[in-house]
Amino acid sequence: MAESFASGSARPEASVALDTVTVRYFAAAAEAAGREEEQLDCVATVGDLRDALVERYGPAMARVVANGSFLVDGVVSRAPSTPLAGTVDVLPPFAGG
């Protein structure tokens, strides 16, 4: 979780963790995570997030992220090098055409 210090703190660099993102889960992703939203630290890219989610939630989440996509501040991405910022939606693969 992000840690906050009052202004004038001896450690102003620790006031907000820059790599904390809000992750929102939808449909099968929410089922795999057992929640609809959480905040994660130390995830700077889509690849970092994908790895963290598979490690945390196992095979069910691995299936979701293998074929799903990530909505990073409103832009769909599957590229592991995409930097994260703010909010990321984990979207399962959608059926249909």
PDB file of N, CA and C in Angstrom:
ATOM      1  N   MET A   1       0.827  -1.188   0.000  1.00  0.00           N
ATOM      2  CA  MET A   1       0.000   0.000   0.000  1.00  0.00           C
ATOM      3  C   MET A   1       0.868   1.246   0.000  1.00  0.00           C
ATOM      4  N   ALA A   2       0.338   2.299  -0.562  1.00  0.00           N
ATOM      5  CA  ALA A   2       1.066   3.562  -0.594  1.00  0.00           C
ATOM      6  C   ALA A   2       1.114   4.139   0.800  1.00  0.00           C
ATOM      7  N   GLU A   3       2.236   4.716   1.133  1.00  0.00           N
ATOM      8  CA  GLU A   3       2.432   5.306   2.436  1.00  0.00           C
ATOM      9  C   GLU A   3       2.444   6.814   2.281  1.00  0.00           C
ATOM     10  N   SER A   4       1.867   7.527   3.222  1.00  0.00           N
ATOM     11  CA  SER A   4       1.780   8.975   3.095  1.00  0.00           C
ATOM     12  C   SER A   4       2.415   9.632   4.317  1.00  0.00           C
ATOM     13  N   PHE A   5       3.154  10.704   4.090  1.00  0.00           N
ATOM     14  CA  PHE A   5       3.793  11.449   5.157  1.00  0.00           C
ATOM     15  C   PHE A   5       3.336  12.901   5.077  1.00  0.00           C
ATOM     16  N   ALA A   6       3.238  13.559   6.222  1.00  0.00           N
ATOM     17  CA  ALA A   6       2.860  14.970   6.252  1.00  0.00           C
ATOM     18  C   ALA A   6       3.924  15.801   5.569  1.00  0.00           C
ATOM     19  N   SER A   7       3.515  16.958   5.013  1.00  0.00           N
ATOM     20  CA  SER A   7       4.515  17.801   4.362  1.00  0.00           C
ATOM     21  C   SER A   7       5.541  18.232   5.384  1.00  0.00           C
ATOM     22  N   GLY A   8       6.771  18.366   4.915  1.00  0.00           N
ATOM     23  CA  GLY A   8       7.863  18.695   5.819  1.00  0.00           C
ATOM     24  C   GLY A   8       8.479  17.468   6.451  1.00  0.00           C
ATOM     25  N   SER A   9       8.018  16.300   6.039  1.00  0.00           N
ATOM     26  CA  SER A   9       8.545  15.058   6.566  1.00  0.00           C
ATOM     27  C   SER A   9      10.028  14.930   6.229  1.00  0.00           C
ATOM     28  N   ALA A  10      10.723  14.185   7.052  1.00  0.00           N
ATOM     29  CA  ALA A  10      12.140  13.956   6.800  1.00  0.00           C
ATOM     30  C   ALA A  10      12.341  13.064   5.582  1.00  0.00           C
ATOM     31  N   ARG A  11      11.281  12.387   5.134  1.00  0.00           N
ATOM     32  CA  ARG A  11      11.382  11.488   3.990  1.00  0.00           C
ATOM     33  C   ARG A  11      10.335  11.836   2.937  1.00  0.00           C
ATOM     34  N   PRO A  12      10.414  13.000   2.302  1.00  0.00           N
ATOM     35  CA  PRO A  12       9.388  13.367   1.332  1.00  0.00           C
ATOM     36  C   PRO A  12       9.355  12.451   0.118  1.00  0.00           C
ATOM     37  N   GLU A  13      10.467  11.806  -0.211  1.00  0.00           N
ATOM     38  CA  GLU A  13      10.483  10.923  -1.361  1.00  0.00           C
ATOM     39  C   GLU A  13       9.595   9.711  -1.154  1.00  0.00           C
ATOM     40  N   ALA A  14       9.205   9.415   0.083  1.00  0.00           N
ATOM     41  CA  ALA A  14       8.363   8.265   0.370  1.00  0.00           C
ATOM     42  C   ALA A  14       6.897   8.651   0.495  1.00  0.00           C
ATOM     43  N   SER A  15       6.527   9.873   0.115  1.00  0.00           N
ATOM     44  CA  SER A  15       5.154  10.321   0.324  1.00  0.00           C
ATOM     45  C   SER A  15       4.158   9.527  -0.505  1.00  0.00           C
ATOM     46  N   VAL A  16       4.498   9.137  -1.701  1.00  0.00           N
ATOM     47  CA  VAL A  16       3.605   8.343  -2.539  1.00  0.00           C
ATOM     48  C   VAL A  16       4.460   7.360  -3.341  1.00  0.00           C
ATOM     49  N   ALA A  17       4.042   6.127  -3.356  1.00  0.00           N
ATOM     50  CA  ALA A  17       4.749   5.139  -4.163  1.00  0.00           C
ATOM     51  C   ALA A  17       4.358   5.362  -5.618  1.00  0.00           C
ATOM     52  N   LEU A  18       5.304   5.710  -6.458  1.00  0.00           N
ATOM     53  CA  LEU A  18       5.022   6.030  -7.843  1.00  0.00           C
ATOM     54  C   LEU A  18       4.556   4.823  -8.640  1.00  0.00           C
ATOM     55  N   ASP A  19       4.898   3.643  -8.201  1.00  0.00           N
ATOM     56  CA  ASP A  19       4.522   2.463  -8.953  1.00  0.00           C
ATOM     57  C   ASP A  19       3.316   1.738  -8.354  1.00  0.00           C
ATOM     58  N   THR A  20       2.476   2.427  -7.616  1.00  0.00           N
ATOM     59  CA  THR A  20       1.240   1.849  -7.107  1.00  0.00           C
ATOM     60  C   THR A  20       0.133   2.106  -8.116  1.00  0.00           C
ATOM     61  N   VAL A  21      -0.561   1.058  -8.506  1.00  0.00           N
ATOM     62  CA  VAL A  21      -1.649   1.201  -9.456  1.00  0.00           C
ATOM     63  C   VAL A  21      -2.922   0.589  -8.876  1.00  0.00           C
ATOM     64  N   THR A  22      -4.050   1.133  -9.281  1.00  0.00           N
ATOM     65  CA  THR A  22      -5.339   0.539  -8.954  1.00  0.00           C
ATOM     66  C   THR A  22      -5.664  -0.440 -10.063  1.00  0.00           C
ATOM     67  N   VAL A  23      -5.917  -1.680  -9.682  1.00  0.00           N
ATOM     68  CA  VAL A  23      -6.229  -2.726 -10.650  1.00  0.00           C
ATOM     69  C   VAL A  23      -7.692  -3.110 -10.465  1.00  0.00           C
ATOM     70  N   ARG A  24      -8.447  -3.000 -11.559  1.00  0.00           N
ATOM     71  CA  ARG A  24      -9.865  -3.381 -11.525  1.00  0.00           C
ATOM     72  C   ARG A  24     -10.048  -4.622 -12.382  1.00  0.00           C
ATOM     73  N   TYR A  25     -10.841  -5.562 -11.853  1.00  0.00           N
ATOM     74  CA  TYR A  25     -11.049  -6.847 -12.514  1.00  0.00           C
ATOM     75  C   TYR A  25     -12.485  -6.955 -13.010  1.00  0.00           C
ATOM     76  N   PHE A  26     -12.656  -7.565 -14.178  1.00  0.00           N
ATOM     77  CA  PHE A  26     -13.976  -7.728 -14.757  1.00  0.00           C
ATOM     78  C   PHE A  26     -14.208  -9.178 -15.155  1.00  0.00           C
ATOM     79  N   ALA A  27     -15.447  -9.640 -14.991  1.00  0.00           N
ATOM     80  CA  ALA A  27     -15.894 -10.973 -15.412  1.00  0.00           C
ATOM     81  C   ALA A  27     -14.962 -12.072 -14.892  1.00  0.00           C
ATOM     82  N   ALA A  28     -14.382 -12.871 -15.792  1.00  0.00           N
ATOM     83  CA  ALA A  28     -13.532 -13.999 -15.385  1.00  0.00           C
ATOM     84  C   ALA A  28     -12.317 -13.538 -14.588  1.00  0.00           C
ATOM     85  N   ALA A  29     -11.825 -12.337 -14.852  1.00  0.00           N
ATOM     86  CA  ALA A  29     -10.683 -11.809 -14.081  1.00  0.00           C
ATOM     87  C   ALA A  29     -11.094 -11.573 -12.629  1.00  0.00           C
ATOM     88  N   ALA A  30     -12.305 -11.061 -12.416  1.00  0.00           N
ATOM     89  CA  ALA A  30     -12.809 -10.846 -11.049  1.00  0.00           C
ATOM     90  C   ALA A  30     -13.008 -12.187 -10.339  1.00  0.00           C
ATOM     91  N   GLU A  31     -13.485 -13.171 -11.074  1.00  0.00           N
ATOM     92  CA  GLU A  31     -13.628 -14.510 -10.484  1.00  0.00           C
ATOM     93  C   GLU A  31     -12.279 -15.076 -10.071  1.00  0.00           C
ATOM     94  N   ALA A  32     -11.294 -14.959 -10.933  1.00  0.00           N
ATOM     95  CA  ALA A  32      -9.964 -15.504 -10.647  1.00  0.00           C
ATOM     96  C   ALA A  32      -9.315 -14.802  -9.460  1.00  0.00           C
ATOM     97  N   ALA A  33      -9.520 -13.488  -9.353  1.00  0.00           N
ATOM     98  CA  ALA A  33      -8.917 -12.719  -8.262  1.00  0.00           C
ATOM     99  C   ALA A  33      -9.739 -12.779  -6.986  1.00  0.00           C
ATOM    100  N   GLY A  34     -11.016 -13.094  -7.104  1.00  0.00           N
ATOM    101  CA  GLY A  34     -11.880 -13.117  -5.925  1.00  0.00           C
ATOM    102  C   GLY A  34     -12.193 -11.721  -5.416  1.00  0.00           C
ATOM    103  N   ARG A  35     -12.074 -10.741  -6.275  1.00  0.00           N
ATOM    104  CA  ARG A  35     -12.338  -9.346  -5.918  1.00  0.00           C
ATOM    105  C   ARG A  35     -12.538  -8.544  -7.194  1.00  0.00           C
ATOM    106  N   GLU A  36     -13.053  -7.349  -7.050  1.00  0.00           N
ATOM    107  CA  GLU A  36     -13.263  -6.488  -8.215  1.00  0.00           C
ATOM    108  C   GLU A  36     -12.208  -5.407  -8.357  1.00  0.00           C
ATOM    109  N   GLU A  37     -11.467  -5.136  -7.274  1.00  0.00           N
ATOM    110  CA  GLU A  37     -10.469  -4.060  -7.332  1.00  0.00           C
ATOM    111  C   GLU A  37      -9.466  -4.214  -6.206  1.00  0.00           C
ATOM    112  N   GLU A  38      -8.246  -3.766  -6.454  1.00  0.00           N
ATOM    113  CA  GLU A  38      -7.217  -3.700  -5.412  1.00  0.00           C
ATOM    114  C   GLU A  38      -6.104  -2.772  -5.878  1.00  0.00           C
ATOM    115  N   GLN A  39      -5.255  -2.384  -4.948  1.00  0.00           N
ATOM    116  CA  GLN A  39      -4.084  -1.581  -5.280  1.00  0.00           C
ATOM    117  C   GLN A  39      -2.853  -2.467  -5.149  1.00  0.00           C
ATOM    118  N   LEU A  40      -1.983  -2.365  -6.160  1.00  0.00           N
ATOM    119  CA  LEU A  40      -0.751  -3.151  -6.149  1.00  0.00           C
ATOM    120  C   LEU A  40       0.449  -2.230  -6.256  1.00  0.00           C
ATOM    121  N   ASP A  41       1.497  -2.568  -5.525  1.00  0.00           N
ATOM    122  CA  ASP A  41       2.755  -1.835  -5.563  1.00  0.00           C
ATOM    123  C   ASP A  41       3.763  -2.602  -6.416  1.00  0.00           C
ATOM    124  N   CYS A  42       4.783  -1.897  -6.850  1.00  0.00           N
ATOM    125  CA  CYS A  42       5.931  -2.496  -7.533  1.00  0.00           C
ATOM    126  C   CYS A  42       5.566  -3.185  -8.836  1.00  0.00           C
ATOM    127  N   VAL A  43       4.626  -2.610  -9.556  1.00  0.00           N
ATOM    128  CA  VAL A  43       4.310  -3.078 -10.902  1.00  0.00           C
ATOM    129  C   VAL A  43       4.401  -1.862 -11.818  1.00  0.00           C
ATOM    130  N   ALA A  44       5.410  -1.842 -12.668  1.00  0.00           N
ATOM    131  CA  ALA A  44       5.655  -0.670 -13.499  1.00  0.00           C
ATOM    132  C   ALA A  44       5.187  -0.840 -14.937  1.00  0.00           C
ATOM    133  N   THR A  45       5.020  -2.102 -15.385  1.00  0.00           N
ATOM    134  CA  THR A  45       4.638  -2.357 -16.768  1.00  0.00           C
ATOM    135  C   THR A  45       3.538  -3.415 -16.820  1.00  0.00           C
ATOM    136  N   VAL A  46       2.922  -3.555 -17.983  1.00  0.00           N
ATOM    137  CA  VAL A  46       1.920  -4.599 -18.178  1.00  0.00           C
ATOM    138  C   VAL A  46       2.539  -5.971 -17.898  1.00  0.00           C
ATOM    139  N   GLY A  47       3.766  -6.195 -18.323  1.00  0.00           N
ATOM    140  CA  GLY A  47       4.440  -7.471 -18.060  1.00  0.00           C
ATOM    141  C   GLY A  47       4.619  -7.739 -16.574  1.00  0.00           C
ATOM    142  N   ASP A  48       5.015  -6.694 -15.824  1.00  0.00           N
ATOM    143  CA  ASP A  48       5.157  -6.840 -14.366  1.00  0.00           C
ATOM    144  C   ASP A  48       3.815  -7.211 -13.738  1.00  0.00           C
ATOM    145  N   LEU A  49       2.768  -6.524 -14.185  1.00  0.00           N
ATOM    146  CA  LEU A  49       1.439  -6.784 -13.638  1.00  0.00           C
ATOM    147  C   LEU A  49       0.994  -8.195 -13.980  1.00  0.00           C
ATOM    148  N   ARG A  50       1.164  -8.597 -15.213  1.00  0.00           N
ATOM    149  CA  ARG A  50       0.779  -9.949 -15.642  1.00  0.00           C
ATOM    150  C   ARG A  50       1.473 -10.990 -14.761  1.00  0.00           C
ATOM    151  N   ASP A  51       2.781 -10.845 -14.571  1.00  0.00           N
ATOM    152  CA  ASP A  51       3.536 -11.792 -13.740  1.00  0.00           C
ATOM    153  C   ASP A  51       3.043 -11.797 -12.298  1.00  0.00           C
ATOM    154  N   ALA A  52       2.801 -10.611 -11.747  1.00  0.00           N
ATOM    155  CA  ALA A  52       2.336 -10.503 -10.359  1.00  0.00           C
ATOM    156  C   ALA A  52       0.969 -11.157 -10.182  1.00  0.00           C
ATOM    157  N   LEU A  53       0.082 -10.968 -11.151  1.00  0.00           N
ATOM    158  CA  LEU A  53      -1.257 -11.546 -11.040  1.00  0.00           C
ATOM    159  C   LEU A  53      -1.227 -13.066 -11.133  1.00  0.00           C
ATOM    160  N   VAL A  54      -0.411 -13.593 -12.031  1.00  0.00           N
ATOM    161  CA  VAL A  54      -0.303 -15.055 -12.152  1.00  0.00           C
ATOM    162  C   VAL A  54       0.297 -15.643 -10.881  1.00  0.00           C
ATOM    163  N   GLU A  55       1.323 -14.990 -10.349  1.00  0.00           N
ATOM    164  CA  GLU A  55       1.931 -15.473  -9.103  1.00  0.00           C
ATOM    165  C   GLU A  55       0.933 -15.432  -7.949  1.00  0.00           C
ATOM    166  N   ARG A  56       0.148 -14.376  -7.886  1.00  0.00           N
ATOM    167  CA  ARG A  56      -0.787 -14.169  -6.773  1.00  0.00           C
ATOM    168  C   ARG A  56      -2.020 -15.056  -6.877  1.00  0.00           C
ATOM    169  N   TYR A  57      -2.570 -15.228  -8.096  1.00  0.00           N
ATOM    170  CA  TYR A  57      -3.870 -15.882  -8.250  1.00  0.00           C
ATOM    171  C   TYR A  57      -3.845 -17.205  -9.003  1.00  0.00           C
ATOM    172  N   GLY A  58      -2.692 -17.610  -9.512  1.00  0.00           N
ATOM    173  CA  GLY A  58      -2.537 -18.944 -10.065  1.00  0.00           C
ATOM    174  C   GLY A  58      -3.117 -19.192 -11.452  1.00  0.00           C
ATOM    175  N   PRO A  59      -3.398 -20.481 -11.743  1.00  0.00           N
ATOM    176  CA  PRO A  59      -3.782 -20.905 -13.084  1.00  0.00           C
ATOM    177  C   PRO A  59      -5.027 -20.216 -13.648  1.00  0.00           C
ATOM    178  N   ALA A  60      -6.016 -19.949 -12.824  1.00  0.00           N
ATOM    179  CA  ALA A  60      -7.230 -19.290 -13.329  1.00  0.00           C
ATOM    180  C   ALA A  60      -6.898 -17.908 -13.889  1.00  0.00           C
ATOM    181  N   MET A  61      -6.050 -17.161 -13.186  1.00  0.00           N
ATOM    182  CA  MET A  61      -5.665 -15.835 -13.678  1.00  0.00           C
ATOM    183  C   MET A  61      -4.716 -15.967 -14.865  1.00  0.00           C
ATOM    184  N   ALA A  62      -3.882 -16.979 -14.876  1.00  0.00           N
ATOM    185  CA  ALA A  62      -2.975 -17.195 -16.006  1.00  0.00           C
ATOM    186  C   ALA A  62      -3.774 -17.362 -17.293  1.00  0.00           C
ATOM    187  N   ARG A  63      -4.893 -18.093 -17.232  1.00  0.00           N
ATOM    188  CA  ARG A  63      -5.741 -18.263 -18.415  1.00  0.00           C
ATOM    189  C   ARG A  63      -6.342 -16.928 -18.849  1.00  0.00           C
ATOM    190  N   VAL A  64      -6.751 -16.118 -17.896  1.00  0.00           N
ATOM    191  CA  VAL A  64      -7.347 -14.814 -18.225  1.00  0.00           C
ATOM    192  C   VAL A  64      -6.324 -13.909 -18.900  1.00  0.00           C
ATOM    193  N   VAL A  65      -5.149 -13.756 -18.307  1.00  0.00           N
ATOM    194  CA  VAL A  65      -4.178 -12.799 -18.852  1.00  0.00           C
ATOM    195  C   VAL A  65      -3.490 -13.310 -20.114  1.00  0.00           C
ATOM    196  N   ALA A  66      -3.512 -14.618 -20.340  1.00  0.00           N
ATOM    197  CA  ALA A  66      -2.904 -15.157 -21.560  1.00  0.00           C
ATOM    198  C   ALA A  66      -3.662 -14.722 -22.804  1.00  0.00           C
ATOM    199  N   ASN A  67      -4.978 -14.564 -22.681  1.00  0.00           N
ATOM    200  CA  ASN A  67      -5.800 -14.232 -23.843  1.00  0.00           C
ATOM    201  C   ASN A  67      -6.585 -12.936 -23.689  1.00  0.00           C
ATOM    202  N   GLY A  68      -6.524 -12.348 -22.518  1.00  0.00           N
ATOM    203  CA  GLY A  68      -7.252 -11.109 -22.276  1.00  0.00           C
ATOM    204  C   GLY A  68      -6.407  -9.894 -22.618  1.00  0.00           C
ATOM    205  N   SER A  69      -6.824  -8.755 -22.106  1.00  0.00           N
ATOM    206  CA  SER A  69      -6.080  -7.520 -22.367  1.00  0.00           C
ATOM    207  C   SER A  69      -6.134  -6.624 -21.134  1.00  0.00           C
ATOM    208  N   PHE A  70      -5.349  -5.565 -21.201  1.00  0.00           N
ATOM    209  CA  PHE A  70      -5.269  -4.604 -20.115  1.00  0.00           C
ATOM    210  C   PHE A  70      -5.670  -3.237 -20.674  1.00  0.00           C
ATOM    211  N   LEU A  71      -6.524  -2.568 -19.947  1.00  0.00           N
ATOM    212  CA  LEU A  71      -6.923  -1.211 -20.316  1.00  0.00           C
ATOM    213  C   LEU A  71      -6.149  -0.281 -19.391  1.00  0.00           C
ATOM    214  N   VAL A  72      -5.131   0.384 -19.940  1.00  0.00           N
ATOM    215  CA  VAL A  72      -4.231   1.230 -19.154  1.00  0.00           C
ATOM    216  C   VAL A  72      -4.626   2.683 -19.389  1.00  0.00           C
ATOM    217  N   ASP A  73      -5.245   3.282 -18.376  1.00  0.00           N
ATOM    218  CA  ASP A  73      -5.747   4.657 -18.494  1.00  0.00           C
ATOM    219  C   ASP A  73      -6.515   4.871 -19.789  1.00  0.00           C
ATOM    220  N   GLY A  74      -7.400   3.925 -20.115  1.00  0.00           N
ATOM    221  CA  GLY A  74      -8.284   4.072 -21.260  1.00  0.00           C
ATOM    222  C   GLY A  74      -7.769   3.539 -22.578  1.00  0.00           C
ATOM    223  N   VAL A  75      -6.556   2.993 -22.617  1.00  0.00           N
ATOM    224  CA  VAL A  75      -5.981   2.481 -23.862  1.00  0.00           C
ATOM    225  C   VAL A  75      -5.707   0.980 -23.707  1.00  0.00           C
ATOM    226  N   VAL A  76      -6.233   0.171 -24.628  1.00  0.00           N
ATOM    227  CA  VAL A  76      -6.043  -1.276 -24.576  1.00  0.00           C
ATOM    228  C   VAL A  76      -4.599  -1.627 -24.918  1.00  0.00           C
ATOM    229  N   SER A  77      -4.016  -2.514 -24.113  1.00  0.00           N
ATOM    230  CA  SER A  77      -2.645  -2.945 -24.367  1.00  0.00           C
ATOM    231  C   SER A  77      -2.468  -4.394 -23.981  1.00  0.00           C
ATOM    232  N   ARG A  78      -1.621  -5.068 -24.734  1.00  0.00           N
ATOM    233  CA  ARG A  78      -1.167  -6.419 -24.394  1.00  0.00           C
ATOM    234  C   ARG A  78       0.361  -6.457 -24.355  1.00  0.00           C
ATOM    235  N   ALA A  79       0.996  -5.376 -24.772  1.00  0.00           N
ATOM    236  CA  ALA A  79       2.459  -5.320 -24.841  1.00  0.00           C
ATOM    237  C   ALA A  79       3.066  -5.300 -23.443  1.00  0.00           C
ATOM    238  N   PRO A  80       3.954  -6.248 -23.140  1.00  0.00           N
ATOM    239  CA  PRO A  80       4.556  -6.316 -21.803  1.00  0.00           C
ATOM    240  C   PRO A  80       5.310  -5.053 -21.385  1.00  0.00           C
ATOM    241  N   SER A  81       5.825  -4.295 -22.332  1.00  0.00           N
ATOM    242  CA  SER A  81       6.620  -3.111 -21.992  1.00  0.00           C
ATOM    243  C   SER A  81       5.782  -1.853 -21.761  1.00  0.00           C
ATOM    244  N   THR A  82       4.464  -1.932 -21.929  1.00  0.00           N
ATOM    245  CA  THR A  82       3.606  -0.762 -21.722  1.00  0.00           C
ATOM    246  C   THR A  82       3.691  -0.300 -20.274  1.00  0.00           C
ATOM    247  N   PRO A  83       4.059   0.959 -20.029  1.00  0.00           N
ATOM    248  CA  PRO A  83       4.129   1.457 -18.656  1.00  0.00           C
ATOM    249  C   PRO A  83       2.737   1.630 -18.064  1.00  0.00           C
ATOM    250  N   LEU A  84       2.637   1.390 -16.777  1.00  0.00           N
ATOM    251  CA  LEU A  84       1.368   1.535 -16.076  1.00  0.00           C
ATOM    252  C   LEU A  84       1.291   2.893 -15.402  1.00  0.00           C
ATOM    253  N   ALA A  85       0.077   3.380 -15.268  1.00  0.00           N
ATOM    254  CA  ALA A  85      -0.151   4.635 -14.557  1.00  0.00           C
ATOM    255  C   ALA A  85      -1.590   4.668 -14.101  1.00  0.00           C
ATOM    256  N   GLY A  86      -1.797   5.058 -12.863  1.00  0.00           N
ATOM    257  CA  GLY A  86      -3.158   5.276 -12.371  1.00  0.00           C
ATOM    258  C   GLY A  86      -3.977   4.018 -12.220  1.00  0.00           C
ATOM    259  N   THR A  87      -4.804   3.738 -13.221  1.00  0.00           N
ATOM    260  CA  THR A  87      -5.753   2.634 -13.151  1.00  0.00           C
ATOM    261  C   THR A  87      -5.549   1.687 -14.321  1.00  0.00           C
ATOM    262  N   VAL A  88      -5.626   0.397 -14.028  1.00  0.00           N
ATOM    263  CA  VAL A  88      -5.524  -0.636 -15.055  1.00  0.00           C
ATOM    264  C   VAL A  88      -6.718  -1.569 -14.887  1.00  0.00           C
ATOM    265  N   ASP A  89      -7.430  -1.804 -15.988  1.00  0.00           N
ATOM    266  CA  ASP A  89      -8.525  -2.761 -15.976  1.00  0.00           C
ATOM    267  C   ASP A  89      -8.034  -4.060 -16.591  1.00  0.00           C
ATOM    268  N   VAL A  90      -8.303  -5.173 -15.917  1.00  0.00           N
ATOM    269  CA  VAL A  90      -7.941  -6.482 -16.441  1.00  0.00           C
ATOM    270  C   VAL A  90      -9.198  -7.044 -17.092  1.00  0.00           C
ATOM    271  N   LEU A  91      -9.121  -7.200 -18.419  1.00  0.00           N
ATOM    272  CA  LEU A  91     -10.267  -7.619 -19.209  1.00  0.00           C
ATOM    273  C   LEU A  91     -10.052  -9.039 -19.727  1.00  0.00           C
ATOM    274  N   PRO A  92     -11.017  -9.915 -19.498  1.00  0.00           N
ATOM    275  CA  PRO A  92     -10.896 -11.265 -20.042  1.00  0.00           C
ATOM    276  C   PRO A  92     -11.122 -11.243 -21.541  1.00  0.00           C
ATOM    277  N   PRO A  93     -10.781 -12.344 -22.224  1.00  0.00           N
ATOM    278  CA  PRO A  93     -11.076 -12.389 -23.653  1.00  0.00           C
ATOM    279  C   PRO A  93     -12.591 -12.367 -23.846  1.00  0.00           C
ATOM    280  N   PHE A  94     -13.021 -11.686 -24.881  1.00  0.00           N
ATOM    281  CA  PHE A  94     -14.450 -11.595 -25.167  1.00  0.00           C
ATOM    282  C   PHE A  94     -14.789 -12.472 -26.354  1.00  0.00           C
ATOM    283  N   ALA A  95     -15.931 -13.138 -26.273  1.00  0.00           N
ATOM    284  CA  ALA A  95     -16.388 -13.993 -27.362  1.00  0.00           C
ATOM    285  C   ALA A  95     -17.184 -13.156 -28.365  1.00  0.00           C
ATOM    286  N   GLY A  96     -17.336 -13.684 -29.521  1.00  0.00           N
ATOM    287  CA  GLY A  96     -18.163 -13.010 -30.520  1.00  0.00           C
ATOM    288  C   GLY A  96     -17.327 -12.446 -31.643  1.00  0.00           C
ATOM    289  N   GLY A  97     -17.990 -11.758 -32.545  1.00  0.00           N
ATOM    290  CA  GLY A  97     -17.241 -11.270 -33.684  1.00  0.00           C
ATOM    291  C   GLY A  97     -17.834 -10.118 -34.329  1.00  0.00           C
TER     292      GLY A  97
END
